[in-house]
């Protein structure tokens, strides 16, 4: 059951709904507190008034077979935004490598609906991926990287992202099965880390997810 008064600003949405009007549904997926007080969370209409647990269970039926990994050595504020994008594209899991604590502000509490795993080191993460037989696709503009426009993403894989500024560590790049760069045409050397993650995830989506409802 969700306490509607707990940290309400974390999920306030201009598209929220008020208290349920008329006879209230009684299914287990509905949160009585939300039915009573309204649902201001940043969720799609399908999930209005649902409990967090019910939303996660439903998402688990349709999550895509790609995951996202993020190195967390500098408490980068972009991590939250990357988690939010992973949720938007229904990524299977988000892996945090390095520091267990990460800045969640940019996630806008979407981490509540997303599976998140922690790995203390790149080596530990690499071993996990090997056991699961998931290729690691690093996203960084380093020598030898492949242009994203020409790259065929594996259907099952992990997209690996680095920190704002330094990018991926040398160890992370060495652990990758492929390194892909986002082609740029202006004067800047790199684009924002969360923006790069969104571009890469959407590239996977265009190759494997098709149109919504298909």
N, C-alpha and C. Protein backbone atom coordinates (compact mmCIF):
# COMPACT_ATOMS: atom_id res chain seq x y z
N UNK A 1 0.85 -1.18 0.00
CA UNK A 1 0.00 0.00 0.00
C UNK A 1 0.89 1.24 0.00
N UNK A 2 0.57 2.24 -0.79
CA UNK A 2 1.40 3.42 -0.93
C UNK A 2 0.85 4.56 -0.08
N UNK A 3 1.71 5.21 0.70
CA UNK A 3 1.32 6.38 1.47
C UNK A 3 1.37 7.58 0.56
N UNK A 4 0.22 8.13 0.24
CA UNK A 4 0.15 9.22 -0.73
C UNK A 4 0.82 10.48 -0.23
N UNK A 5 1.06 10.59 1.09
CA UNK A 5 1.66 11.79 1.64
C UNK A 5 3.18 11.69 1.75
N UNK A 6 3.73 10.53 1.47
CA UNK A 6 5.17 10.33 1.61
C UNK A 6 5.91 10.85 0.39
N UNK A 7 6.74 11.90 0.58
CA UNK A 7 7.53 12.46 -0.52
C UNK A 7 6.69 12.68 -1.78
N UNK A 8 5.57 13.39 -1.70
CA UNK A 8 4.70 13.51 -2.86
C UNK A 8 5.35 14.22 -4.03
N UNK A 9 6.30 15.14 -3.76
CA UNK A 9 6.91 15.90 -4.84
C UNK A 9 7.77 15.04 -5.74
N UNK A 10 8.20 13.86 -5.27
CA UNK A 10 9.08 13.00 -6.05
C UNK A 10 8.40 12.50 -7.33
N UNK A 11 7.09 12.37 -7.31
CA UNK A 11 6.42 11.84 -8.48
C UNK A 11 5.26 12.72 -8.94
N UNK A 12 5.23 13.97 -8.54
CA UNK A 12 4.15 14.84 -8.99
C UNK A 12 4.17 14.96 -10.51
N UNK A 13 3.03 14.85 -11.11
CA UNK A 13 2.93 14.90 -12.56
C UNK A 13 1.77 15.80 -12.96
N UNK A 14 1.96 16.57 -14.02
CA UNK A 14 0.87 17.42 -14.50
C UNK A 14 -0.24 16.59 -15.11
N UNK A 15 -0.01 15.31 -15.30
CA UNK A 15 -1.01 14.42 -15.89
C UNK A 15 -1.60 13.48 -14.85
N UNK A 16 -1.55 13.87 -13.59
CA UNK A 16 -2.10 13.03 -12.54
C UNK A 16 -3.62 13.00 -12.58
N UNK A 17 -4.18 12.14 -11.76
CA UNK A 17 -5.64 12.00 -11.68
C UNK A 17 -6.05 12.10 -10.22
N UNK A 18 -7.29 12.54 -10.00
CA UNK A 18 -7.81 12.68 -8.65
C UNK A 18 -8.35 11.38 -8.11
N UNK A 19 -9.03 11.43 -6.99
CA UNK A 19 -9.63 10.23 -6.40
C UNK A 19 -10.55 9.53 -7.39
N UNK A 20 -10.63 8.21 -7.26
CA UNK A 20 -11.49 7.41 -8.14
C UNK A 20 -12.94 7.83 -7.94
N UNK A 21 -13.62 8.02 -9.05
CA UNK A 21 -15.03 8.40 -8.99
C UNK A 21 -15.91 7.18 -9.24
N UNK A 22 -16.96 7.05 -8.45
CA UNK A 22 -17.86 5.91 -8.62
C UNK A 22 -17.41 4.72 -7.80
N UNK A 23 -17.96 3.56 -8.16
CA UNK A 23 -17.62 2.33 -7.44
C UNK A 23 -16.14 2.00 -7.67
N UNK A 24 -15.44 1.77 -6.60
CA UNK A 24 -14.01 1.50 -6.72
C UNK A 24 -13.74 0.05 -7.08
N UNK A 25 -12.72 -0.17 -7.93
CA UNK A 25 -12.33 -1.55 -8.25
C UNK A 25 -11.73 -2.21 -7.02
N UNK A 26 -11.82 -3.51 -6.97
CA UNK A 26 -11.36 -4.24 -5.79
C UNK A 26 -10.21 -5.21 -6.10
N UNK A 27 -9.70 -5.19 -7.32
CA UNK A 27 -8.61 -6.10 -7.67
C UNK A 27 -7.37 -5.85 -6.84
N UNK A 28 -6.55 -6.90 -6.67
CA UNK A 28 -5.35 -6.81 -5.86
C UNK A 28 -4.33 -5.81 -6.41
N UNK A 29 -4.42 -5.50 -7.69
CA UNK A 29 -3.43 -4.60 -8.28
C UNK A 29 -3.66 -3.14 -7.89
N UNK A 30 -4.83 -2.83 -7.37
CA UNK A 30 -5.14 -1.44 -7.04
C UNK A 30 -4.71 -1.08 -5.63
N UNK A 31 -4.22 0.15 -5.48
CA UNK A 31 -3.77 0.66 -4.19
C UNK A 31 -4.92 1.47 -3.57
N UNK A 32 -5.45 1.04 -2.45
CA UNK A 32 -6.58 1.74 -1.84
C UNK A 32 -6.29 3.21 -1.53
N UNK A 33 -5.03 3.52 -1.15
CA UNK A 33 -4.68 4.90 -0.84
C UNK A 33 -4.74 5.78 -2.08
N UNK A 34 -4.28 5.24 -3.20
CA UNK A 34 -4.33 6.01 -4.45
C UNK A 34 -5.76 6.19 -4.93
N UNK A 35 -6.57 5.16 -4.77
CA UNK A 35 -7.98 5.27 -5.14
C UNK A 35 -8.67 6.34 -4.31
N UNK A 36 -8.26 6.44 -3.06
CA UNK A 36 -8.88 7.38 -2.13
C UNK A 36 -8.42 8.82 -2.37
N UNK A 37 -7.12 9.00 -2.61
CA UNK A 37 -6.54 10.34 -2.64
C UNK A 37 -6.14 10.83 -4.04
N UNK A 38 -6.11 9.94 -5.01
CA UNK A 38 -5.66 10.32 -6.34
C UNK A 38 -4.26 9.81 -6.62
N UNK A 39 -3.88 9.83 -7.89
CA UNK A 39 -2.59 9.29 -8.32
C UNK A 39 -1.85 10.35 -9.13
N UNK A 40 -0.84 10.98 -8.52
CA UNK A 40 -0.07 12.01 -9.20
C UNK A 40 1.27 11.50 -9.72
N UNK A 41 1.46 10.19 -9.73
CA UNK A 41 2.74 9.63 -10.15
C UNK A 41 2.96 9.80 -11.65
N UNK A 42 4.21 9.80 -12.03
CA UNK A 42 4.58 9.91 -13.44
C UNK A 42 4.56 8.52 -14.08
N UNK A 43 3.34 7.98 -14.23
CA UNK A 43 3.16 6.68 -14.86
C UNK A 43 2.15 6.82 -15.99
N UNK A 44 2.21 5.88 -16.93
CA UNK A 44 1.26 5.90 -18.03
C UNK A 44 -0.14 5.58 -17.51
N UNK A 45 -1.16 5.95 -18.28
CA UNK A 45 -2.54 5.79 -17.83
C UNK A 45 -2.88 4.36 -17.46
N UNK A 46 -2.29 3.41 -18.15
CA UNK A 46 -2.58 2.01 -17.87
C UNK A 46 -2.33 1.65 -16.41
N UNK A 47 -1.35 2.31 -15.79
CA UNK A 47 -0.96 1.96 -14.44
C UNK A 47 -1.52 2.89 -13.36
N UNK A 48 -2.47 3.72 -13.72
CA UNK A 48 -3.08 4.59 -12.73
C UNK A 48 -3.73 3.76 -11.62
N UNK A 49 -3.45 4.16 -10.40
CA UNK A 49 -4.01 3.56 -9.19
C UNK A 49 -3.44 2.17 -8.87
N UNK A 50 -2.49 1.67 -9.68
CA UNK A 50 -1.91 0.36 -9.40
C UNK A 50 -0.85 0.49 -8.30
N UNK A 51 -0.64 -0.59 -7.58
CA UNK A 51 0.47 -0.63 -6.62
C UNK A 51 1.79 -0.73 -7.39
N UNK A 52 2.87 -0.36 -6.73
CA UNK A 52 4.19 -0.48 -7.34
C UNK A 52 4.47 -1.94 -7.68
N UNK A 53 4.13 -2.84 -6.77
CA UNK A 53 4.39 -4.26 -7.00
C UNK A 53 3.65 -4.77 -8.23
N UNK A 54 2.43 -4.31 -8.42
CA UNK A 54 1.64 -4.75 -9.58
C UNK A 54 2.23 -4.21 -10.88
N UNK A 55 2.72 -2.98 -10.83
CA UNK A 55 3.33 -2.40 -12.03
C UNK A 55 4.60 -3.16 -12.41
N UNK A 56 5.44 -3.45 -11.43
CA UNK A 56 6.67 -4.19 -11.69
C UNK A 56 6.35 -5.56 -12.27
N UNK A 57 5.38 -6.24 -11.70
CA UNK A 57 5.01 -7.57 -12.18
C UNK A 57 4.52 -7.52 -13.62
N UNK A 58 3.77 -6.49 -13.96
CA UNK A 58 3.27 -6.36 -15.32
C UNK A 58 4.40 -6.02 -16.29
N UNK A 59 5.30 -5.15 -15.88
CA UNK A 59 6.44 -4.82 -16.73
C UNK A 59 7.32 -6.04 -16.98
N UNK A 60 7.41 -6.91 -15.99
CA UNK A 60 8.23 -8.10 -16.13
C UNK A 60 7.75 -9.02 -17.26
N UNK A 61 6.50 -8.86 -17.66
CA UNK A 61 5.96 -9.69 -18.74
C UNK A 61 6.42 -9.22 -20.11
N UNK A 62 6.87 -7.95 -20.20
CA UNK A 62 7.16 -7.38 -21.51
C UNK A 62 8.52 -6.67 -21.59
N UNK A 63 9.36 -6.84 -20.58
CA UNK A 63 10.66 -6.15 -20.63
C UNK A 63 11.47 -6.65 -21.83
N UNK A 64 12.27 -5.76 -22.38
CA UNK A 64 13.11 -6.12 -23.51
C UNK A 64 14.36 -6.86 -23.03
N UNK A 65 14.96 -7.67 -23.89
CA UNK A 65 16.10 -8.50 -23.47
C UNK A 65 17.45 -7.78 -23.49
N UNK A 66 17.44 -6.45 -23.41
CA UNK A 66 18.72 -5.75 -23.25
C UNK A 66 18.75 -5.13 -21.85
N UNK A 67 19.95 -5.01 -21.31
CA UNK A 67 20.14 -4.38 -20.00
C UNK A 67 21.09 -3.20 -20.16
N UNK A 68 21.23 -2.45 -19.10
CA UNK A 68 22.07 -1.26 -19.09
C UNK A 68 23.02 -1.35 -17.91
N UNK A 69 24.28 -1.02 -18.12
CA UNK A 69 25.25 -0.97 -17.03
C UNK A 69 25.91 0.40 -17.01
N UNK A 70 26.17 0.89 -15.79
CA UNK A 70 26.73 2.23 -15.63
C UNK A 70 27.85 2.17 -14.61
N UNK A 71 29.02 2.68 -14.98
CA UNK A 71 30.10 2.80 -14.01
C UNK A 71 29.79 3.96 -13.06
N UNK A 72 29.96 3.73 -11.77
CA UNK A 72 29.63 4.74 -10.76
C UNK A 72 30.83 4.97 -9.85
N UNK A 73 31.77 5.76 -10.32
CA UNK A 73 32.96 6.05 -9.53
C UNK A 73 32.92 7.47 -8.97
N UNK A 74 32.16 8.37 -9.58
CA UNK A 74 32.19 9.78 -9.20
C UNK A 74 30.83 10.30 -8.76
N UNK A 75 29.90 9.42 -8.45
CA UNK A 75 28.55 9.83 -8.04
C UNK A 75 27.93 10.75 -9.11
N UNK A 76 28.05 10.35 -10.34
CA UNK A 76 27.59 11.13 -11.48
C UNK A 76 26.07 11.34 -11.43
N UNK A 77 25.63 12.59 -11.57
CA UNK A 77 24.20 12.89 -11.52
C UNK A 77 23.45 12.36 -12.73
N UNK A 78 24.18 11.99 -13.79
CA UNK A 78 23.54 11.46 -14.99
C UNK A 78 22.98 10.05 -14.78
N UNK A 79 23.44 9.36 -13.76
CA UNK A 79 23.01 7.98 -13.56
C UNK A 79 21.50 7.89 -13.40
N UNK A 80 20.92 8.79 -12.62
CA UNK A 80 19.48 8.78 -12.43
C UNK A 80 18.73 8.95 -13.74
N UNK A 81 19.21 9.85 -14.59
CA UNK A 81 18.56 10.06 -15.89
C UNK A 81 18.67 8.83 -16.77
N UNK A 82 19.80 8.13 -16.69
CA UNK A 82 19.98 6.91 -17.48
C UNK A 82 19.01 5.83 -16.99
N UNK A 83 18.83 5.73 -15.68
CA UNK A 83 17.87 4.77 -15.14
C UNK A 83 16.46 5.10 -15.61
N UNK A 84 16.13 6.37 -15.62
CA UNK A 84 14.80 6.79 -16.09
C UNK A 84 14.59 6.39 -17.54
N UNK A 85 15.60 6.59 -18.38
CA UNK A 85 15.50 6.21 -19.79
C UNK A 85 15.40 4.70 -19.94
N UNK A 86 16.15 3.97 -19.15
CA UNK A 86 16.07 2.50 -19.19
C UNK A 86 14.66 2.03 -18.87
N UNK A 87 14.02 2.68 -17.92
CA UNK A 87 12.64 2.35 -17.60
C UNK A 87 11.72 2.68 -18.76
N UNK A 88 11.93 3.82 -19.39
CA UNK A 88 11.08 4.23 -20.51
C UNK A 88 11.14 3.25 -21.66
N UNK A 89 12.33 2.65 -21.88
CA UNK A 89 12.50 1.69 -22.97
C UNK A 89 12.36 0.24 -22.50
N UNK A 90 11.89 0.07 -21.26
CA UNK A 90 11.62 -1.27 -20.72
C UNK A 90 12.85 -2.17 -20.77
N UNK A 91 13.98 -1.64 -20.35
CA UNK A 91 15.18 -2.46 -20.23
C UNK A 91 14.97 -3.51 -19.15
N UNK A 92 15.64 -4.63 -19.31
CA UNK A 92 15.46 -5.72 -18.35
C UNK A 92 15.99 -5.34 -16.97
N UNK A 93 17.25 -4.90 -16.92
CA UNK A 93 17.91 -4.63 -15.65
C UNK A 93 18.89 -3.48 -15.82
N UNK A 94 19.07 -2.72 -14.75
CA UNK A 94 20.13 -1.71 -14.70
C UNK A 94 21.21 -2.20 -13.74
N UNK A 95 22.46 -2.21 -14.18
CA UNK A 95 23.59 -2.64 -13.37
C UNK A 95 24.41 -1.41 -12.97
N UNK A 96 24.63 -1.25 -11.69
CA UNK A 96 25.47 -0.18 -11.17
C UNK A 96 26.81 -0.79 -10.79
N UNK A 97 27.88 -0.31 -11.42
CA UNK A 97 29.23 -0.84 -11.18
C UNK A 97 30.03 0.18 -10.38
N UNK A 98 30.59 -0.25 -9.26
CA UNK A 98 31.38 0.65 -8.44
C UNK A 98 30.67 0.97 -7.14
N UNK A 99 30.50 2.25 -6.86
CA UNK A 99 29.81 2.66 -5.65
C UNK A 99 28.36 2.18 -5.66
N UNK A 100 27.95 1.65 -4.51
CA UNK A 100 26.58 1.13 -4.44
C UNK A 100 25.57 2.27 -4.41
N UNK A 101 25.92 3.34 -3.71
CA UNK A 101 25.03 4.50 -3.66
C UNK A 101 25.19 5.33 -4.92
N UNK A 102 24.07 5.77 -5.46
CA UNK A 102 24.11 6.59 -6.66
C UNK A 102 23.06 7.69 -6.56
N UNK A 103 23.26 8.76 -7.30
CA UNK A 103 22.36 9.91 -7.24
C UNK A 103 21.06 9.58 -7.95
N UNK A 104 19.99 9.44 -7.19
CA UNK A 104 18.71 8.99 -7.73
C UNK A 104 17.79 10.13 -8.16
N UNK A 105 18.21 11.34 -7.97
CA UNK A 105 17.31 12.46 -8.25
C UNK A 105 16.79 12.46 -9.68
N UNK A 106 17.69 12.24 -10.63
CA UNK A 106 17.27 12.27 -12.02
C UNK A 106 16.39 11.11 -12.44
N UNK A 107 16.35 10.06 -11.61
CA UNK A 107 15.53 8.89 -11.94
C UNK A 107 14.05 9.16 -11.77
N UNK A 108 13.71 10.21 -11.03
CA UNK A 108 12.29 10.54 -10.79
C UNK A 108 11.53 9.31 -10.29
N UNK A 109 12.15 8.58 -9.37
CA UNK A 109 11.65 7.37 -8.71
C UNK A 109 11.33 6.22 -9.67
N UNK A 110 11.79 6.28 -10.92
CA UNK A 110 11.56 5.16 -11.83
C UNK A 110 12.34 3.93 -11.41
N UNK A 111 13.33 4.10 -10.52
CA UNK A 111 14.05 2.93 -10.02
C UNK A 111 13.14 2.01 -9.21
N UNK A 112 11.99 2.52 -8.76
CA UNK A 112 11.04 1.68 -8.04
C UNK A 112 10.45 0.60 -8.96
N UNK A 113 10.43 0.89 -10.24
CA UNK A 113 9.81 -0.02 -11.20
C UNK A 113 10.85 -0.79 -12.01
N UNK A 114 12.12 -0.58 -11.70
CA UNK A 114 13.20 -1.13 -12.51
C UNK A 114 14.05 -2.08 -11.67
N UNK A 115 14.43 -3.22 -12.23
CA UNK A 115 15.36 -4.11 -11.55
C UNK A 115 16.75 -3.48 -11.59
N UNK A 116 17.38 -3.35 -10.42
CA UNK A 116 18.70 -2.74 -10.32
C UNK A 116 19.62 -3.69 -9.57
N UNK A 117 20.77 -4.00 -10.17
CA UNK A 117 21.77 -4.86 -9.54
C UNK A 117 23.06 -4.08 -9.33
N UNK A 118 23.78 -4.39 -8.27
CA UNK A 118 25.05 -3.72 -7.99
C UNK A 118 26.21 -4.70 -8.13
N UNK A 119 27.30 -4.21 -8.72
CA UNK A 119 28.54 -4.97 -8.84
C UNK A 119 29.66 -4.08 -8.32
N UNK A 120 30.43 -4.57 -7.39
CA UNK A 120 31.46 -3.74 -6.75
C UNK A 120 32.57 -3.34 -7.71
N UNK A 121 32.88 -4.21 -8.67
CA UNK A 121 33.99 -3.96 -9.59
C UNK A 121 33.60 -4.34 -11.02
N UNK A 122 34.38 -3.85 -11.96
CA UNK A 122 34.18 -4.23 -13.36
C UNK A 122 34.37 -5.73 -13.53
N UNK A 123 35.37 -6.28 -12.83
CA UNK A 123 35.63 -7.71 -12.91
C UNK A 123 34.42 -8.53 -12.46
N UNK A 124 33.82 -8.12 -11.35
CA UNK A 124 32.64 -8.82 -10.84
C UNK A 124 31.49 -8.74 -11.85
N UNK A 125 31.29 -7.56 -12.44
CA UNK A 125 30.25 -7.38 -13.45
C UNK A 125 30.52 -8.25 -14.67
N UNK A 126 31.78 -8.28 -15.12
CA UNK A 126 32.14 -9.06 -16.30
C UNK A 126 31.88 -10.54 -16.08
N UNK A 127 32.21 -11.03 -14.89
CA UNK A 127 31.95 -12.44 -14.57
C UNK A 127 30.45 -12.73 -14.62
N UNK A 128 29.66 -11.82 -14.07
CA UNK A 128 28.20 -12.00 -14.08
C UNK A 128 27.68 -12.09 -15.51
N UNK A 129 28.14 -11.19 -16.36
CA UNK A 129 27.70 -11.19 -17.76
C UNK A 129 28.12 -12.45 -18.48
N UNK A 130 29.31 -12.95 -18.17
CA UNK A 130 29.80 -14.17 -18.81
C UNK A 130 28.95 -15.37 -18.42
N UNK A 131 28.58 -15.46 -17.15
CA UNK A 131 27.73 -16.56 -16.70
C UNK A 131 26.38 -16.52 -17.42
N UNK A 132 25.85 -15.33 -17.61
CA UNK A 132 24.56 -15.17 -18.29
C UNK A 132 24.68 -15.21 -19.81
N UNK A 133 25.92 -15.29 -20.30
CA UNK A 133 26.20 -15.32 -21.74
C UNK A 133 25.64 -14.08 -22.44
N UNK A 134 25.85 -12.93 -21.81
CA UNK A 134 25.38 -11.67 -22.36
C UNK A 134 26.57 -10.85 -22.85
N UNK A 135 26.64 -10.55 -24.14
CA UNK A 135 27.73 -9.71 -24.64
C UNK A 135 27.63 -8.30 -24.08
N UNK A 136 28.78 -7.70 -23.82
CA UNK A 136 28.85 -6.34 -23.30
C UNK A 136 29.18 -5.40 -24.44
N UNK A 137 28.30 -4.43 -24.67
CA UNK A 137 28.50 -3.45 -25.73
C UNK A 137 28.79 -2.10 -25.07
N UNK A 138 30.05 -1.68 -25.10
CA UNK A 138 30.44 -0.42 -24.50
C UNK A 138 30.11 0.73 -25.44
N UNK A 139 29.67 1.84 -24.86
CA UNK A 139 29.35 3.03 -25.65
C UNK A 139 30.34 4.13 -25.27
N UNK A 140 31.25 4.42 -26.19
CA UNK A 140 32.26 5.46 -25.93
C UNK A 140 32.94 5.80 -27.25
N UNK A 141 33.39 7.05 -27.35
CA UNK A 141 34.08 7.47 -28.57
C UNK A 141 35.59 7.39 -28.38
N UNK A 142 36.08 6.18 -28.45
CA UNK A 142 37.51 5.92 -28.28
C UNK A 142 38.05 5.34 -29.59
N UNK A 143 39.35 5.36 -29.78
CA UNK A 143 39.93 4.78 -31.00
C UNK A 143 39.52 3.33 -31.17
N UNK A 144 39.12 2.99 -32.40
CA UNK A 144 38.73 1.63 -32.70
C UNK A 144 37.25 1.34 -32.52
N UNK A 145 36.49 2.32 -32.03
CA UNK A 145 35.06 2.09 -31.83
C UNK A 145 34.33 2.10 -33.17
N UNK A 146 33.16 1.46 -33.18
CA UNK A 146 32.35 1.30 -34.40
C UNK A 146 31.23 2.32 -34.40
N UNK A 147 30.99 2.94 -35.52
CA UNK A 147 29.89 3.92 -35.62
C UNK A 147 28.56 3.24 -35.34
N UNK A 148 27.74 3.87 -34.52
CA UNK A 148 26.49 3.26 -34.10
C UNK A 148 25.55 3.01 -35.27
N UNK A 149 25.65 3.83 -36.31
CA UNK A 149 24.79 3.66 -37.48
C UNK A 149 25.07 2.37 -38.23
N UNK A 150 26.26 1.83 -38.05
CA UNK A 150 26.65 0.63 -38.79
C UNK A 150 26.65 -0.63 -37.93
N UNK A 151 26.31 -0.48 -36.65
CA UNK A 151 26.45 -1.59 -35.72
C UNK A 151 25.15 -2.35 -35.55
N UNK A 152 25.24 -3.68 -35.62
CA UNK A 152 24.07 -4.53 -35.36
C UNK A 152 24.10 -4.97 -33.90
N UNK A 153 23.22 -4.41 -33.11
CA UNK A 153 23.17 -4.76 -31.70
C UNK A 153 22.64 -6.17 -31.52
N UNK A 154 23.29 -6.98 -30.68
CA UNK A 154 22.72 -8.29 -30.35
C UNK A 154 21.37 -8.08 -29.67
N UNK A 155 20.46 -9.00 -29.89
CA UNK A 155 19.14 -8.86 -29.25
C UNK A 155 19.27 -8.94 -27.73
N UNK A 156 20.07 -9.88 -27.25
CA UNK A 156 20.33 -9.99 -25.82
C UNK A 156 21.73 -9.46 -25.55
N UNK A 157 21.81 -8.38 -24.78
CA UNK A 157 23.11 -7.77 -24.53
C UNK A 157 23.00 -6.80 -23.36
N UNK A 158 24.15 -6.27 -22.97
CA UNK A 158 24.21 -5.22 -21.95
C UNK A 158 24.91 -4.01 -22.56
N UNK A 159 24.26 -2.87 -22.51
CA UNK A 159 24.86 -1.62 -22.98
C UNK A 159 25.58 -0.98 -21.81
N UNK A 160 26.87 -0.73 -21.98
CA UNK A 160 27.71 -0.25 -20.88
C UNK A 160 28.09 1.21 -21.09
N UNK A 161 27.81 2.04 -20.06
CA UNK A 161 28.07 3.47 -20.15
C UNK A 161 29.01 3.92 -19.05
N UNK A 162 29.80 4.96 -19.36
CA UNK A 162 30.75 5.50 -18.39
C UNK A 162 30.26 6.78 -17.76
N UNK A 163 31.18 7.48 -17.11
CA UNK A 163 30.88 8.70 -16.38
C UNK A 163 30.95 9.91 -17.29
N UNK A 164 30.24 10.96 -16.89
CA UNK A 164 30.35 12.23 -17.60
C UNK A 164 31.79 12.72 -17.49
N UNK A 165 32.39 13.08 -18.62
CA UNK A 165 33.77 13.56 -18.60
C UNK A 165 34.76 12.48 -18.97
N UNK A 166 35.15 11.63 -18.02
CA UNK A 166 36.17 10.62 -18.32
C UNK A 166 35.69 9.48 -19.18
N UNK A 167 34.38 9.27 -19.26
CA UNK A 167 33.86 8.14 -20.03
C UNK A 167 34.12 6.83 -19.32
N UNK A 168 34.23 5.77 -20.09
CA UNK A 168 34.44 4.44 -19.51
C UNK A 168 35.90 4.26 -19.07
N UNK A 169 36.07 3.49 -18.02
CA UNK A 169 37.42 3.17 -17.58
C UNK A 169 38.08 2.23 -18.59
N UNK A 170 39.39 2.19 -18.56
CA UNK A 170 40.13 1.30 -19.47
C UNK A 170 39.74 -0.15 -19.22
N UNK A 171 39.54 -0.51 -17.97
CA UNK A 171 39.16 -1.88 -17.64
C UNK A 171 37.80 -2.23 -18.23
N UNK A 172 36.87 -1.28 -18.18
CA UNK A 172 35.53 -1.53 -18.74
C UNK A 172 35.59 -1.72 -20.25
N UNK A 173 36.37 -0.89 -20.92
CA UNK A 173 36.50 -1.01 -22.37
C UNK A 173 37.12 -2.36 -22.75
N UNK A 174 38.12 -2.77 -21.99
CA UNK A 174 38.76 -4.06 -22.27
C UNK A 174 37.82 -5.23 -22.04
N UNK A 175 36.85 -5.06 -21.17
CA UNK A 175 35.91 -6.14 -20.87
C UNK A 175 34.82 -6.29 -21.93
N UNK A 176 34.69 -5.28 -22.79
CA UNK A 176 33.58 -5.24 -23.74
C UNK A 176 33.82 -6.16 -24.94
N UNK A 177 32.72 -6.69 -25.47
CA UNK A 177 32.79 -7.48 -26.69
C UNK A 177 32.82 -6.59 -27.92
N UNK A 178 32.33 -5.37 -27.79
CA UNK A 178 32.36 -4.39 -28.87
C UNK A 178 32.28 -3.00 -28.25
N UNK A 179 32.87 -2.02 -28.93
CA UNK A 179 32.80 -0.63 -28.48
C UNK A 179 32.17 0.19 -29.60
N UNK A 180 31.10 0.88 -29.26
CA UNK A 180 30.32 1.62 -30.25
C UNK A 180 30.34 3.11 -29.91
N UNK A 181 30.49 3.94 -30.92
CA UNK A 181 30.48 5.38 -30.68
C UNK A 181 29.29 6.01 -31.39
N UNK A 182 28.80 7.10 -30.81
CA UNK A 182 27.72 7.87 -31.42
C UNK A 182 28.36 8.93 -32.30
N UNK A 183 28.09 8.86 -33.57
CA UNK A 183 28.70 9.77 -34.53
C UNK A 183 28.28 11.21 -34.24
N UNK A 184 29.26 12.10 -34.22
CA UNK A 184 29.00 13.53 -33.97
C UNK A 184 29.54 14.36 -35.13
N UNK A 185 28.93 15.52 -35.32
CA UNK A 185 29.27 16.34 -36.49
C UNK A 185 29.63 17.78 -36.13
N UNK A 186 29.56 18.13 -34.85
CA UNK A 186 29.87 19.50 -34.45
C UNK A 186 31.26 19.61 -33.86
N UNK A 187 31.48 20.65 -33.06
CA UNK A 187 32.81 20.93 -32.51
C UNK A 187 33.06 20.26 -31.17
N UNK A 188 31.99 19.86 -30.47
CA UNK A 188 32.20 19.27 -29.15
C UNK A 188 32.74 17.85 -29.25
N UNK A 189 33.59 17.51 -28.29
CA UNK A 189 34.21 16.18 -28.32
C UNK A 189 33.22 15.09 -27.91
N UNK A 190 32.28 15.43 -27.04
CA UNK A 190 31.36 14.41 -26.54
C UNK A 190 30.01 15.03 -26.22
N UNK A 191 29.00 14.19 -26.10
CA UNK A 191 27.69 14.66 -25.70
C UNK A 191 27.42 14.19 -24.27
N UNK A 192 26.42 14.79 -23.65
CA UNK A 192 26.06 14.45 -22.28
C UNK A 192 25.86 12.94 -22.13
N UNK A 193 26.31 12.39 -21.00
CA UNK A 193 26.27 10.95 -20.79
C UNK A 193 24.86 10.39 -20.84
N UNK A 194 23.90 11.09 -20.25
CA UNK A 194 22.53 10.58 -20.27
C UNK A 194 21.93 10.68 -21.67
N UNK A 195 22.33 11.70 -22.43
CA UNK A 195 21.86 11.82 -23.80
C UNK A 195 22.43 10.68 -24.65
N UNK A 196 23.71 10.38 -24.45
CA UNK A 196 24.34 9.28 -25.19
C UNK A 196 23.65 7.96 -24.88
N UNK A 197 23.32 7.76 -23.62
CA UNK A 197 22.64 6.52 -23.23
C UNK A 197 21.28 6.41 -23.91
N UNK A 198 20.56 7.51 -23.98
CA UNK A 198 19.24 7.50 -24.62
C UNK A 198 19.36 7.16 -26.11
N UNK A 199 20.37 7.74 -26.76
CA UNK A 199 20.59 7.46 -28.18
C UNK A 199 20.89 5.98 -28.39
N UNK A 200 21.77 5.43 -27.57
CA UNK A 200 22.16 4.03 -27.72
C UNK A 200 20.99 3.08 -27.45
N UNK A 201 20.24 3.36 -26.39
CA UNK A 201 19.09 2.50 -26.10
C UNK A 201 18.06 2.56 -27.23
N UNK A 202 17.83 3.74 -27.76
CA UNK A 202 16.86 3.84 -28.84
C UNK A 202 17.36 3.15 -30.11
N UNK A 203 18.67 3.14 -30.31
CA UNK A 203 19.22 2.41 -31.45
C UNK A 203 18.90 0.93 -31.33
N UNK A 204 19.02 0.39 -30.10
CA UNK A 204 18.63 -1.01 -29.88
C UNK A 204 17.14 -1.18 -30.17
N UNK A 205 16.34 -0.26 -29.69
CA UNK A 205 14.88 -0.33 -29.88
C UNK A 205 14.53 -0.37 -31.37
N UNK A 206 15.14 0.48 -32.16
CA UNK A 206 14.80 0.54 -33.59
C UNK A 206 15.16 -0.75 -34.31
N UNK A 207 16.18 -1.46 -33.82
CA UNK A 207 16.58 -2.70 -34.46
C UNK A 207 15.79 -3.90 -34.01
N UNK A 208 15.29 -3.88 -32.77
CA UNK A 208 14.72 -5.10 -32.21
C UNK A 208 13.28 -5.01 -31.68
N UNK A 209 12.82 -3.82 -31.34
CA UNK A 209 11.53 -3.74 -30.66
C UNK A 209 10.36 -3.54 -31.60
N UNK A 210 10.60 -2.95 -32.77
CA UNK A 210 9.49 -2.72 -33.68
C UNK A 210 8.58 -1.64 -33.16
N UNK A 211 7.36 -1.61 -33.66
CA UNK A 211 6.40 -0.61 -33.27
C UNK A 211 5.63 -1.07 -32.03
N UNK A 212 5.21 -0.12 -31.17
CA UNK A 212 4.43 -0.49 -30.00
C UNK A 212 3.19 -1.29 -30.38
N UNK A 213 2.96 -2.37 -29.67
CA UNK A 213 1.78 -3.18 -29.93
C UNK A 213 2.05 -4.33 -30.87
N UNK A 214 3.22 -4.35 -31.52
CA UNK A 214 3.54 -5.46 -32.44
C UNK A 214 4.08 -6.67 -31.68
